[in-house]
Amino acid sequence: MSSLPPKNTPLPQRELVENSLKCRELNHDALWPEESDEQLTVRANDAFACAQRDHRYVLLEFVAPWCRDSQAVTHWDTVPEHDVWLHSRYYRVRIHVGHWDRHESWRHRYGVTRIATYVVVDPRDQRAVGTLVAEPKTGSPPLAFETWRAWLAQWLLHVPGRRRAPLVRRENLYVRGGDCRAYCEIKLNAGLTLVTPAEAGNDH
């Protein structure tokens, strides 16, 4: 079993970070990647480095092909608009857990005991800032696509390493930066609050 990068340690400046093409290629992994712990660590470190450069979060996806929920969520990736939206906002690392016999150190580090589990990670210290067990098939109630996308969108209001933009009011929803097109649609469909009233009050 390979060791994981130490927590709360600045990421090394890597030659990869200067290569935008390489960073873009990171989001085109195999659907169910078959790899060793060492290969996963290299791939994840590449994603952390690129995400830190581009002020994005990393999305760790703990899945397996035998899991109905994993199959359902990965199928959502085939929705063209969602695929483009997600890939332009996150660096993604899909982790194939096998039959709970792979990548134990990664599962232990991020507290993964069920799948499909999605973990939003701040690349600056590799700390989990949000975790969701996605169960569109076995959940009670089942996870809806709109709720899934709203969960992903809420973290984009606090981009790592970038100053927070002022709040702008659009269609009775406060959003950061003024780009309401995606966030308002998500809010209206899923009924989720992306900015709390207290937070909005502090900014106005």
N, C-alpha and C. Protein backbone atom coordinates (compact mmCIF):
# COMPACT_ATOMS: atom_id res chain seq x y z
N MET A 1 0.86 -1.19 0.00
CA MET A 1 0.00 0.00 0.00
C MET A 1 0.89 1.24 0.00
N SER A 2 0.64 2.16 -0.88
CA SER A 2 1.46 3.36 -0.96
C SER A 2 1.03 4.37 0.08
N SER A 3 1.96 5.24 0.41
CA SER A 3 1.63 6.30 1.36
C SER A 3 0.96 7.45 0.64
N LEU A 4 0.10 8.14 1.35
CA LEU A 4 -0.58 9.30 0.79
C LEU A 4 0.23 10.55 1.04
N PRO A 5 0.02 11.60 0.25
CA PRO A 5 0.71 12.86 0.51
C PRO A 5 0.33 13.36 1.90
N PRO A 6 1.27 13.95 2.64
CA PRO A 6 0.94 14.44 3.99
C PRO A 6 -0.08 15.54 3.94
N LYS A 7 -0.92 15.59 4.97
CA LYS A 7 -1.93 16.63 5.06
C LYS A 7 -1.30 17.97 5.42
N ASN A 8 -2.01 19.04 5.04
CA ASN A 8 -1.62 20.39 5.42
C ASN A 8 -0.19 20.72 5.02
N THR A 9 0.25 20.17 3.91
CA THR A 9 1.58 20.45 3.40
C THR A 9 1.44 21.10 2.03
N PRO A 10 2.12 22.24 1.80
CA PRO A 10 2.00 22.89 0.49
C PRO A 10 2.39 21.94 -0.63
N LEU A 11 1.63 21.97 -1.69
CA LEU A 11 1.94 21.11 -2.83
C LEU A 11 3.20 21.59 -3.52
N PRO A 12 4.05 20.66 -3.97
CA PRO A 12 5.27 21.07 -4.68
C PRO A 12 4.93 21.72 -6.00
N GLN A 13 5.75 22.66 -6.41
CA GLN A 13 5.58 23.26 -7.73
C GLN A 13 6.08 22.28 -8.76
N ARG A 14 5.18 21.82 -9.58
CA ARG A 14 5.52 20.76 -10.52
C ARG A 14 5.52 21.29 -11.93
N GLU A 15 6.34 20.67 -12.74
CA GLU A 15 6.39 21.08 -14.14
C GLU A 15 5.04 20.91 -14.80
N LEU A 16 4.26 19.94 -14.33
CA LEU A 16 2.94 19.70 -14.91
C LEU A 16 2.04 20.93 -14.84
N VAL A 17 2.17 21.69 -13.76
CA VAL A 17 1.27 22.82 -13.55
C VAL A 17 1.38 23.83 -14.67
N GLU A 18 2.50 23.90 -15.32
CA GLU A 18 2.68 24.85 -16.40
C GLU A 18 2.10 24.34 -17.72
N ASN A 19 1.64 23.12 -17.72
CA ASN A 19 1.18 22.52 -18.97
C ASN A 19 -0.34 22.46 -18.96
N SER A 20 -0.98 23.46 -19.55
CA SER A 20 -2.44 23.54 -19.53
C SER A 20 -3.07 22.35 -20.25
N LEU A 21 -2.47 21.91 -21.33
CA LEU A 21 -3.03 20.78 -22.06
C LEU A 21 -3.07 19.55 -21.18
N LYS A 22 -2.00 19.30 -20.44
CA LYS A 22 -1.96 18.14 -19.56
C LYS A 22 -3.05 18.24 -18.50
N CYS A 23 -3.25 19.43 -17.96
CA CYS A 23 -4.30 19.61 -16.96
C CYS A 23 -5.67 19.30 -17.54
N ARG A 24 -5.92 19.75 -18.75
CA ARG A 24 -7.22 19.48 -19.37
C ARG A 24 -7.43 17.99 -19.58
N GLU A 25 -6.35 17.27 -19.89
CA GLU A 25 -6.47 15.85 -20.14
C GLU A 25 -6.80 15.06 -18.87
N LEU A 26 -6.57 15.65 -17.71
CA LEU A 26 -6.84 14.93 -16.46
C LEU A 26 -8.31 14.59 -16.30
N ASN A 27 -9.19 15.36 -16.89
CA ASN A 27 -10.62 15.13 -16.73
C ASN A 27 -11.18 14.16 -17.76
N HIS A 28 -10.33 13.40 -18.38
CA HIS A 28 -10.79 12.42 -19.37
C HIS A 28 -10.25 11.03 -19.01
N ASP A 29 -10.43 10.66 -17.74
CA ASP A 29 -9.98 9.36 -17.26
C ASP A 29 -10.90 8.26 -17.77
N ALA A 30 -10.43 7.03 -17.60
CA ALA A 30 -11.26 5.88 -17.94
C ALA A 30 -12.48 5.84 -17.02
N LEU A 31 -13.55 5.22 -17.52
CA LEU A 31 -14.78 5.17 -16.75
C LEU A 31 -14.57 4.42 -15.44
N TRP A 32 -13.89 3.27 -15.50
CA TRP A 32 -13.60 2.49 -14.29
C TRP A 32 -12.09 2.24 -14.28
N PRO A 33 -11.28 3.19 -13.83
CA PRO A 33 -9.82 3.07 -13.94
C PRO A 33 -9.26 1.90 -13.13
N GLU A 34 -8.50 1.05 -13.81
CA GLU A 34 -7.81 -0.06 -13.16
C GLU A 34 -6.37 0.39 -12.94
N GLU A 35 -6.01 0.63 -11.67
CA GLU A 35 -4.68 1.17 -11.40
C GLU A 35 -4.25 0.79 -9.99
N SER A 36 -2.95 0.87 -9.77
CA SER A 36 -2.38 0.61 -8.46
C SER A 36 -2.53 1.83 -7.56
N ASP A 37 -2.25 1.67 -6.28
CA ASP A 37 -2.28 2.81 -5.37
C ASP A 37 -1.28 3.87 -5.81
N GLU A 38 -0.11 3.42 -6.28
CA GLU A 38 0.91 4.37 -6.71
C GLU A 38 0.44 5.19 -7.91
N GLN A 39 -0.19 4.53 -8.87
CA GLN A 39 -0.70 5.24 -10.05
C GLN A 39 -1.80 6.22 -9.67
N LEU A 40 -2.68 5.82 -8.75
CA LEU A 40 -3.74 6.72 -8.30
C LEU A 40 -3.14 7.94 -7.60
N THR A 41 -2.13 7.74 -6.77
CA THR A 41 -1.52 8.86 -6.05
C THR A 41 -0.92 9.86 -7.03
N VAL A 42 -0.25 9.38 -8.07
CA VAL A 42 0.33 10.27 -9.08
C VAL A 42 -0.78 11.05 -9.79
N ARG A 43 -1.84 10.36 -10.17
CA ARG A 43 -2.94 11.01 -10.89
C ARG A 43 -3.64 12.04 -10.00
N ALA A 44 -3.85 11.70 -8.74
CA ALA A 44 -4.50 12.64 -7.82
C ALA A 44 -3.62 13.85 -7.55
N ASN A 45 -2.32 13.64 -7.38
CA ASN A 45 -1.42 14.76 -7.16
C ASN A 45 -1.40 15.70 -8.36
N ASP A 46 -1.48 15.15 -9.56
CA ASP A 46 -1.57 15.98 -10.76
C ASP A 46 -2.84 16.84 -10.70
N ALA A 47 -3.95 16.23 -10.30
CA ALA A 47 -5.21 16.98 -10.20
C ALA A 47 -5.12 18.06 -9.14
N PHE A 48 -4.53 17.75 -7.98
CA PHE A 48 -4.38 18.76 -6.93
C PHE A 48 -3.53 19.94 -7.41
N ALA A 49 -2.46 19.65 -8.13
CA ALA A 49 -1.58 20.71 -8.61
C ALA A 49 -2.29 21.60 -9.63
N CYS A 50 -3.01 20.98 -10.57
CA CYS A 50 -3.73 21.75 -11.57
C CYS A 50 -4.86 22.55 -10.94
N ALA A 51 -5.56 21.95 -10.00
CA ALA A 51 -6.67 22.64 -9.35
C ALA A 51 -6.17 23.84 -8.54
N GLN A 52 -5.03 23.69 -7.89
CA GLN A 52 -4.49 24.81 -7.12
C GLN A 52 -4.11 25.95 -8.04
N ARG A 53 -3.55 25.63 -9.19
CA ARG A 53 -3.19 26.67 -10.15
C ARG A 53 -4.41 27.39 -10.69
N ASP A 54 -5.48 26.62 -10.96
CA ASP A 54 -6.66 27.17 -11.63
C ASP A 54 -7.76 27.59 -10.67
N HIS A 55 -7.48 27.55 -9.36
CA HIS A 55 -8.47 27.95 -8.34
C HIS A 55 -9.76 27.15 -8.49
N ARG A 56 -9.61 25.85 -8.48
CA ARG A 56 -10.76 24.95 -8.52
C ARG A 56 -10.69 23.97 -7.36
N TYR A 57 -11.79 23.27 -7.14
CA TYR A 57 -11.80 22.14 -6.24
C TYR A 57 -11.53 20.86 -7.02
N VAL A 58 -11.12 19.83 -6.29
CA VAL A 58 -10.98 18.49 -6.84
C VAL A 58 -12.18 17.66 -6.38
N LEU A 59 -12.77 16.90 -7.29
CA LEU A 59 -13.88 16.03 -6.96
C LEU A 59 -13.39 14.59 -7.00
N LEU A 60 -13.29 13.96 -5.81
CA LEU A 60 -12.94 12.55 -5.73
C LEU A 60 -14.22 11.73 -5.84
N GLU A 61 -14.21 10.75 -6.74
CA GLU A 61 -15.40 9.96 -7.00
C GLU A 61 -15.10 8.49 -6.67
N PHE A 62 -15.64 8.01 -5.55
CA PHE A 62 -15.42 6.63 -5.11
C PHE A 62 -16.57 5.78 -5.65
N VAL A 63 -16.27 4.94 -6.63
CA VAL A 63 -17.31 4.20 -7.35
C VAL A 63 -16.82 2.80 -7.68
N ALA A 64 -17.74 1.98 -8.20
CA ALA A 64 -17.41 0.65 -8.69
C ALA A 64 -18.45 0.24 -9.72
N PRO A 65 -18.07 -0.53 -10.74
CA PRO A 65 -19.01 -0.86 -11.81
C PRO A 65 -20.15 -1.78 -11.39
N TRP A 66 -19.98 -2.52 -10.30
CA TRP A 66 -21.06 -3.42 -9.85
C TRP A 66 -22.14 -2.68 -9.06
N CYS A 67 -21.87 -1.43 -8.68
CA CYS A 67 -22.78 -0.65 -7.84
C CYS A 67 -23.80 0.07 -8.71
N ARG A 68 -25.09 -0.16 -8.46
CA ARG A 68 -26.14 0.46 -9.27
C ARG A 68 -26.11 1.98 -9.15
N ASP A 69 -25.82 2.49 -7.95
CA ASP A 69 -25.75 3.95 -7.79
C ASP A 69 -24.57 4.54 -8.55
N SER A 70 -23.43 3.86 -8.52
CA SER A 70 -22.28 4.32 -9.30
C SER A 70 -22.61 4.35 -10.78
N GLN A 71 -23.27 3.32 -11.27
CA GLN A 71 -23.64 3.27 -12.68
C GLN A 71 -24.56 4.44 -13.04
N ALA A 72 -25.51 4.74 -12.15
CA ALA A 72 -26.48 5.80 -12.45
C ALA A 72 -25.83 7.17 -12.48
N VAL A 73 -24.97 7.46 -11.50
CA VAL A 73 -24.34 8.78 -11.46
C VAL A 73 -23.38 8.95 -12.62
N THR A 74 -22.61 7.93 -12.94
CA THR A 74 -21.70 8.05 -14.09
C THR A 74 -22.47 8.19 -15.39
N HIS A 75 -23.68 7.64 -15.44
CA HIS A 75 -24.51 7.82 -16.64
C HIS A 75 -24.90 9.29 -16.80
N TRP A 76 -25.06 10.02 -15.69
CA TRP A 76 -25.39 11.44 -15.80
C TRP A 76 -24.29 12.21 -16.50
N ASP A 77 -23.07 11.68 -16.46
CA ASP A 77 -21.97 12.34 -17.15
C ASP A 77 -22.17 12.36 -18.65
N THR A 78 -23.04 11.52 -19.15
CA THR A 78 -23.26 11.49 -20.60
C THR A 78 -24.21 12.58 -21.06
N VAL A 79 -24.83 13.30 -20.11
CA VAL A 79 -25.65 14.45 -20.48
C VAL A 79 -24.70 15.55 -20.95
N PRO A 80 -24.70 15.93 -22.22
CA PRO A 80 -23.67 16.82 -22.76
C PRO A 80 -23.50 18.11 -21.98
N GLU A 81 -24.59 18.80 -21.68
CA GLU A 81 -24.48 20.08 -20.98
C GLU A 81 -23.88 19.89 -19.59
N HIS A 82 -24.29 18.85 -18.88
CA HIS A 82 -23.77 18.60 -17.55
C HIS A 82 -22.29 18.22 -17.61
N ASP A 83 -21.91 17.43 -18.59
CA ASP A 83 -20.52 17.01 -18.73
C ASP A 83 -19.61 18.21 -18.91
N VAL A 84 -19.99 19.13 -19.79
CA VAL A 84 -19.18 20.33 -20.03
C VAL A 84 -19.16 21.20 -18.78
N TRP A 85 -20.30 21.37 -18.15
CA TRP A 85 -20.40 22.20 -16.93
C TRP A 85 -19.50 21.66 -15.84
N LEU A 86 -19.55 20.35 -15.59
CA LEU A 86 -18.78 19.75 -14.51
C LEU A 86 -17.29 19.78 -14.78
N HIS A 87 -16.89 19.45 -16.00
CA HIS A 87 -15.47 19.41 -16.33
C HIS A 87 -14.83 20.78 -16.35
N SER A 88 -15.62 21.82 -16.55
CA SER A 88 -15.06 23.17 -16.57
C SER A 88 -14.95 23.77 -15.17
N ARG A 89 -15.44 23.08 -14.16
CA ARG A 89 -15.46 23.64 -12.81
C ARG A 89 -14.71 22.81 -11.78
N TYR A 90 -14.49 21.55 -12.05
CA TYR A 90 -13.78 20.66 -11.12
C TYR A 90 -12.67 19.92 -11.85
N TYR A 91 -11.64 19.56 -11.09
CA TYR A 91 -10.73 18.51 -11.55
C TYR A 91 -11.20 17.23 -10.88
N ARG A 92 -11.46 16.22 -11.67
CA ARG A 92 -12.11 15.01 -11.17
C ARG A 92 -11.11 13.86 -11.10
N VAL A 93 -11.24 13.07 -10.02
CA VAL A 93 -10.42 11.88 -9.86
C VAL A 93 -11.37 10.72 -9.53
N ARG A 94 -11.63 9.87 -10.49
CA ARG A 94 -12.51 8.73 -10.27
C ARG A 94 -11.69 7.58 -9.67
N ILE A 95 -12.18 7.03 -8.56
CA ILE A 95 -11.45 6.00 -7.82
C ILE A 95 -12.29 4.73 -7.79
N HIS A 96 -11.81 3.72 -8.49
CA HIS A 96 -12.50 2.43 -8.58
C HIS A 96 -12.12 1.61 -7.35
N VAL A 97 -13.08 1.40 -6.43
CA VAL A 97 -12.78 0.73 -5.17
C VAL A 97 -12.82 -0.78 -5.28
N GLY A 98 -13.15 -1.32 -6.47
CA GLY A 98 -13.25 -2.76 -6.63
C GLY A 98 -14.36 -3.31 -5.75
N HIS A 99 -14.14 -4.49 -5.19
CA HIS A 99 -15.08 -5.07 -4.23
C HIS A 99 -14.55 -4.77 -2.82
N TRP A 100 -14.34 -3.49 -2.57
CA TRP A 100 -13.78 -2.99 -1.30
C TRP A 100 -12.39 -3.57 -1.05
N ASP A 101 -11.68 -3.86 -2.13
CA ASP A 101 -10.33 -4.42 -1.98
C ASP A 101 -9.28 -3.54 -2.66
N ARG A 102 -9.65 -2.30 -2.99
CA ARG A 102 -8.71 -1.39 -3.64
C ARG A 102 -8.69 -0.04 -2.94
N HIS A 103 -7.52 0.56 -2.95
CA HIS A 103 -7.33 1.95 -2.50
C HIS A 103 -7.86 2.19 -1.09
N GLU A 104 -7.51 1.28 -0.18
CA GLU A 104 -7.99 1.38 1.19
C GLU A 104 -7.50 2.66 1.87
N SER A 105 -6.25 3.06 1.59
CA SER A 105 -5.71 4.25 2.24
C SER A 105 -6.50 5.50 1.86
N TRP A 106 -6.93 5.58 0.60
CA TRP A 106 -7.74 6.72 0.16
C TRP A 106 -9.13 6.68 0.77
N ARG A 107 -9.72 5.50 0.84
CA ARG A 107 -11.04 5.37 1.45
C ARG A 107 -11.00 5.73 2.93
N HIS A 108 -9.94 5.28 3.60
CA HIS A 108 -9.81 5.58 5.03
C HIS A 108 -9.60 7.07 5.26
N ARG A 109 -8.77 7.66 4.44
CA ARG A 109 -8.45 9.08 4.63
C ARG A 109 -9.69 9.96 4.53
N TYR A 110 -10.59 9.64 3.59
CA TYR A 110 -11.76 10.49 3.37
C TYR A 110 -13.04 9.87 3.94
N GLY A 111 -12.89 8.86 4.78
CA GLY A 111 -14.03 8.31 5.51
C GLY A 111 -15.08 7.66 4.64
N VAL A 112 -14.66 7.00 3.57
CA VAL A 112 -15.61 6.40 2.63
C VAL A 112 -15.96 4.99 3.08
N THR A 113 -17.22 4.77 3.39
CA THR A 113 -17.71 3.45 3.79
C THR A 113 -18.85 2.95 2.91
N ARG A 114 -19.33 3.81 2.00
CA ARG A 114 -20.41 3.46 1.08
C ARG A 114 -20.09 4.06 -0.28
N ILE A 115 -20.72 3.52 -1.31
CA ILE A 115 -20.59 4.09 -2.64
C ILE A 115 -21.98 4.16 -3.27
N ALA A 116 -22.15 5.13 -4.14
CA ALA A 116 -21.15 6.03 -4.68
C ALA A 116 -20.95 7.22 -3.74
N THR A 117 -19.69 7.51 -3.37
CA THR A 117 -19.39 8.64 -2.50
C THR A 117 -18.56 9.65 -3.28
N TYR A 118 -18.95 10.92 -3.15
CA TYR A 118 -18.27 12.02 -3.83
C TYR A 118 -17.75 12.99 -2.78
N VAL A 119 -16.47 13.35 -2.90
CA VAL A 119 -15.81 14.20 -1.92
C VAL A 119 -15.22 15.41 -2.63
N VAL A 120 -15.63 16.60 -2.22
CA VAL A 120 -15.05 17.84 -2.74
C VAL A 120 -13.85 18.18 -1.87
N VAL A 121 -12.69 18.39 -2.50
CA VAL A 121 -11.43 18.55 -1.78
C VAL A 121 -10.79 19.88 -2.15
N ASP A 122 -10.34 20.61 -1.13
CA ASP A 122 -9.56 21.83 -1.34
C ASP A 122 -8.14 21.42 -1.70
N PRO A 123 -7.65 21.78 -2.89
CA PRO A 123 -6.33 21.29 -3.32
C PRO A 123 -5.18 21.88 -2.53
N ARG A 124 -5.41 22.96 -1.80
CA ARG A 124 -4.32 23.60 -1.07
C ARG A 124 -3.83 22.75 0.09
N ASP A 125 -4.72 22.04 0.76
CA ASP A 125 -4.31 21.18 1.87
C ASP A 125 -4.91 19.78 1.76
N GLN A 126 -5.60 19.51 0.67
CA GLN A 126 -6.20 18.21 0.39
C GLN A 126 -7.21 17.81 1.47
N ARG A 127 -7.89 18.81 2.00
CA ARG A 127 -8.89 18.62 3.04
C ARG A 127 -10.27 18.52 2.39
N ALA A 128 -11.07 17.57 2.86
CA ALA A 128 -12.44 17.44 2.37
C ALA A 128 -13.28 18.59 2.89
N VAL A 129 -13.98 19.27 1.99
CA VAL A 129 -14.88 20.36 2.38
C VAL A 129 -16.34 19.96 2.23
N GLY A 130 -16.61 18.85 1.54
CA GLY A 130 -17.98 18.39 1.38
C GLY A 130 -18.00 16.94 0.92
N THR A 131 -18.95 16.16 1.44
CA THR A 131 -19.06 14.75 1.08
C THR A 131 -20.53 14.41 0.85
N LEU A 132 -20.78 13.64 -0.19
CA LEU A 132 -22.14 13.21 -0.50
C LEU A 132 -22.13 11.74 -0.89
N VAL A 133 -23.00 10.95 -0.25
CA VAL A 133 -23.25 9.59 -0.69
C VAL A 133 -24.40 9.67 -1.69
N ALA A 134 -24.09 9.42 -2.94
CA ALA A 134 -25.07 9.58 -4.03
C ALA A 134 -25.77 8.25 -4.28
N GLU A 135 -27.09 8.23 -4.05
CA GLU A 135 -27.86 6.99 -4.21
C GLU A 135 -29.11 7.23 -5.07
N PRO A 136 -28.91 7.42 -6.37
CA PRO A 136 -30.08 7.65 -7.24
C PRO A 136 -30.92 6.40 -7.45
N LYS A 137 -30.40 5.22 -7.11
CA LYS A 137 -31.14 3.97 -7.30
C LYS A 137 -31.61 3.37 -5.97
N THR A 138 -30.77 3.43 -4.95
CA THR A 138 -31.09 2.73 -3.70
C THR A 138 -31.46 3.68 -2.57
N GLY A 139 -31.39 4.97 -2.78
CA GLY A 139 -31.68 5.93 -1.72
C GLY A 139 -33.16 6.02 -1.41
N SER A 140 -33.45 6.52 -0.22
CA SER A 140 -34.84 6.74 0.19
C SER A 140 -34.95 8.14 0.78
N PRO A 141 -35.36 9.13 -0.05
CA PRO A 141 -35.74 8.99 -1.46
C PRO A 141 -34.51 8.92 -2.36
N PRO A 142 -34.68 8.45 -3.58
CA PRO A 142 -33.55 8.40 -4.51
C PRO A 142 -33.03 9.81 -4.82
N LEU A 143 -31.73 9.92 -4.99
CA LEU A 143 -31.12 11.21 -5.34
C LEU A 143 -31.55 11.61 -6.75
N ALA A 144 -32.07 12.82 -6.89
CA ALA A 144 -32.46 13.34 -8.20
C ALA A 144 -31.28 14.05 -8.85
N PHE A 145 -31.29 14.07 -10.17
CA PHE A 145 -30.23 14.75 -10.92
C PHE A 145 -30.11 16.21 -10.52
N GLU A 146 -31.23 16.90 -10.36
CA GLU A 146 -31.20 18.32 -10.01
C GLU A 146 -30.57 18.55 -8.64
N THR A 147 -30.86 17.66 -7.70
CA THR A 147 -30.26 17.78 -6.37
C THR A 147 -28.77 17.52 -6.42
N TRP A 148 -28.36 16.55 -7.20
CA TRP A 148 -26.95 16.24 -7.40
C TRP A 148 -26.21 17.44 -7.97
N ARG A 149 -26.77 18.05 -8.98
CA ARG A 149 -26.09 19.19 -9.59
C ARG A 149 -26.09 20.40 -8.65
N ALA A 150 -27.14 20.58 -7.89
CA ALA A 150 -27.16 21.67 -6.92
C ALA A 150 -26.11 21.47 -5.84
N TRP A 151 -25.92 20.24 -5.41
CA TRP A 151 -24.87 19.96 -4.42
C TRP A 151 -23.50 20.31 -4.98
N LEU A 152 -23.24 19.97 -6.22
CA LEU A 152 -21.97 20.31 -6.85
C LEU A 152 -21.80 21.82 -6.98
N ALA A 153 -22.90 22.52 -7.29
CA ALA A 153 -22.83 23.95 -7.55
C ALA A 153 -22.56 24.76 -6.29
N GLN A 154 -23.02 24.29 -5.13
CA GLN A 154 -22.90 25.12 -3.93
C GLN A 154 -21.45 25.41 -3.57
N TRP A 155 -20.54 24.49 -3.88
CA TRP A 155 -19.14 24.70 -3.53
C TRP A 155 -18.48 25.74 -4.43
N LEU A 156 -19.07 26.01 -5.58
CA LEU A 156 -18.48 26.97 -6.51
C LEU A 156 -18.63 28.41 -6.01
N LEU A 157 -19.42 28.61 -4.97
CA LEU A 157 -19.57 29.94 -4.40
C LEU A 157 -18.36 30.33 -3.56
N HIS A 158 -17.51 29.36 -3.24
CA HIS A 158 -16.33 29.61 -2.39
C HIS A 158 -15.13 28.96 -3.05
N VAL A 159 -14.65 29.56 -4.10
CA VAL A 159 -13.56 28.98 -4.89
C VAL A 159 -12.26 29.08 -4.10
N PRO A 160 -11.50 27.98 -3.99
CA PRO A 160 -10.28 28.01 -3.18
C PRO A 160 -9.21 28.93 -3.75
N GLY A 161 -8.63 29.75 -2.87
CA GLY A 161 -7.52 30.59 -3.26
C GLY A 161 -7.88 31.83 -4.03
N ARG A 162 -9.17 32.13 -4.16
CA ARG A 162 -9.60 33.30 -4.92
C ARG A 162 -10.47 34.18 -4.03
N ARG A 163 -10.30 35.48 -4.14
CA ARG A 163 -11.10 36.40 -3.32
C ARG A 163 -12.58 36.23 -3.64
N ARG A 164 -13.39 36.33 -2.62
CA ARG A 164 -14.82 36.16 -2.81
C ARG A 164 -15.42 37.36 -3.53
N ALA A 165 -16.17 37.06 -4.56
CA ALA A 165 -16.81 38.12 -5.33
C ALA A 165 -17.99 38.67 -4.54
N PRO A 166 -18.40 39.91 -4.80
CA PRO A 166 -19.56 40.47 -4.11
C PRO A 166 -20.84 39.74 -4.51
N LEU A 167 -21.77 39.68 -3.60
CA LEU A 167 -23.05 39.04 -3.88
C LEU A 167 -23.89 39.92 -4.81
N VAL A 168 -24.57 39.29 -5.74
CA VAL A 168 -25.45 39.98 -6.66
C VAL A 168 -26.81 39.29 -6.60
N ARG A 169 -27.89 40.07 -6.51
CA ARG A 169 -29.22 39.49 -6.40
C ARG A 169 -29.82 39.29 -7.79
N ARG A 170 -30.24 38.05 -8.06
CA ARG A 170 -30.89 37.72 -9.32
C ARG A 170 -32.06 36.78 -9.03
N GLU A 171 -33.25 37.15 -9.44
CA GLU A 171 -34.42 36.28 -9.32
C GLU A 171 -34.59 35.74 -7.90
N ASN A 172 -34.48 36.66 -6.93
CA ASN A 172 -34.66 36.31 -5.52
C ASN A 172 -33.61 35.33 -5.00
N LEU A 173 -32.46 35.31 -5.63
CA LEU A 173 -31.38 34.44 -5.18
C LEU A 173 -30.08 35.23 -5.19
N TYR A 174 -29.35 35.17 -4.10
CA TYR A 174 -28.04 35.80 -4.06
C TYR A 174 -27.01 34.84 -4.64
N VAL A 175 -26.24 35.31 -5.58
CA VAL A 175 -25.17 34.50 -6.16
C VAL A 175 -23.91 35.35 -6.23
N ARG A 176 -22.77 34.69 -6.21
CA ARG A 176 -21.51 35.43 -6.24
C ARG A 176 -21.05 35.65 -7.67
N GLY A 177 -20.59 36.85 -7.95
CA GLY A 177 -20.01 37.15 -9.23
C GLY A 177 -21.00 37.59 -10.29
N GLY A 178 -22.30 37.40 -10.05
CA GLY A 178 -23.30 37.90 -10.98
C GLY A 178 -23.71 36.93 -12.07
N ASP A 179 -23.07 35.74 -12.16
CA ASP A 179 -23.46 34.79 -13.18
C ASP A 179 -24.54 33.90 -12.60
N CYS A 180 -25.79 34.21 -12.92
CA CYS A 180 -26.92 33.54 -12.29
C CYS A 180 -27.50 32.43 -13.15
N ARG A 181 -27.08 32.32 -14.38
CA ARG A 181 -27.78 31.44 -15.32
C ARG A 181 -27.89 30.01 -14.79
N ALA A 182 -26.77 29.45 -14.31
CA ALA A 182 -26.82 28.07 -13.82
C ALA A 182 -27.39 28.00 -12.42
N TYR A 183 -26.96 28.91 -11.53
CA TYR A 183 -27.34 28.81 -10.13
C TYR A 183 -28.83 29.02 -9.91
N CYS A 184 -29.44 29.98 -10.61
CA CYS A 184 -30.86 30.22 -10.42
C CYS A 184 -31.67 29.02 -10.90
N GLU A 185 -31.27 28.44 -12.00
CA GLU A 185 -31.97 27.27 -12.51
C GLU A 185 -31.89 26.13 -11.49
N ILE A 186 -30.72 25.94 -10.91
CA ILE A 186 -30.53 24.88 -9.92
C ILE A 186 -31.40 25.15 -8.70
N LYS A 187 -31.39 26.38 -8.23
CA LYS A 187 -32.14 26.72 -7.03
C LYS A 187 -33.63 26.49 -7.24
N LEU A 188 -34.14 26.90 -8.37
CA LEU A 188 -35.57 26.79 -8.61
C LEU A 188 -35.99 25.33 -8.78
N ASN A 189 -35.13 24.52 -9.38
CA ASN A 189 -35.49 23.13 -9.63
C ASN A 189 -35.35 22.26 -8.39
N ALA A 190 -34.29 22.50 -7.61
CA ALA A 190 -34.00 21.61 -6.50
C ALA A 190 -34.47 22.14 -5.16
N GLY A 191 -34.77 23.45 -5.09
CA GLY A 191 -35.22 24.01 -3.83
C GLY A 191 -34.14 24.12 -2.79
N LEU A 192 -32.89 24.21 -3.21
CA LEU A 192 -31.78 24.30 -2.27
C LEU A 192 -31.32 25.75 -2.14
N THR A 193 -30.86 26.13 -0.98
CA THR A 193 -30.35 27.46 -0.74
C THR A 193 -28.84 27.45 -0.90
N LEU A 194 -28.34 28.24 -1.83
CA LEU A 194 -26.90 28.24 -2.10
C LEU A 194 -26.19 29.29 -1.26
N VAL A 195 -26.84 30.34 -0.84
CA VAL A 195 -26.26 31.36 0.02
C VAL A 195 -27.24 31.61 1.16
N THR A 196 -26.78 31.56 2.39
CA THR A 196 -27.68 31.71 3.52
C THR A 196 -28.07 33.18 3.67
N PRO A 197 -29.24 33.46 4.26
CA PRO A 197 -29.65 34.85 4.49
C PRO A 197 -28.64 35.61 5.33
N ALA A 198 -28.02 34.93 6.31
CA ALA A 198 -27.03 35.60 7.16
C ALA A 198 -25.83 36.05 6.35
N GLU A 199 -25.39 35.17 5.45
CA GLU A 199 -24.25 35.50 4.61
C GLU A 199 -24.59 36.66 3.69
N ALA A 200 -25.78 36.61 3.11
CA ALA A 200 -26.20 37.70 2.24
C ALA A 200 -26.27 39.01 3.01
N GLY A 201 -26.76 38.96 4.23
CA GLY A 201 -26.85 40.17 5.04
C GLY A 201 -25.49 40.75 5.36
N ASN A 202 -24.50 39.90 5.54
CA ASN A 202 -23.15 40.38 5.85
C ASN A 202 -22.50 41.09 4.70
N ASP A 203 -22.96 40.79 3.49
CA ASP A 203 -22.33 41.37 2.30
C ASP A 203 -23.08 42.60 1.80
N HIS A 204 -24.24 42.91 2.36
CA HIS A 204 -25.04 44.04 1.86
C HIS A 204 -25.34 45.00 2.99
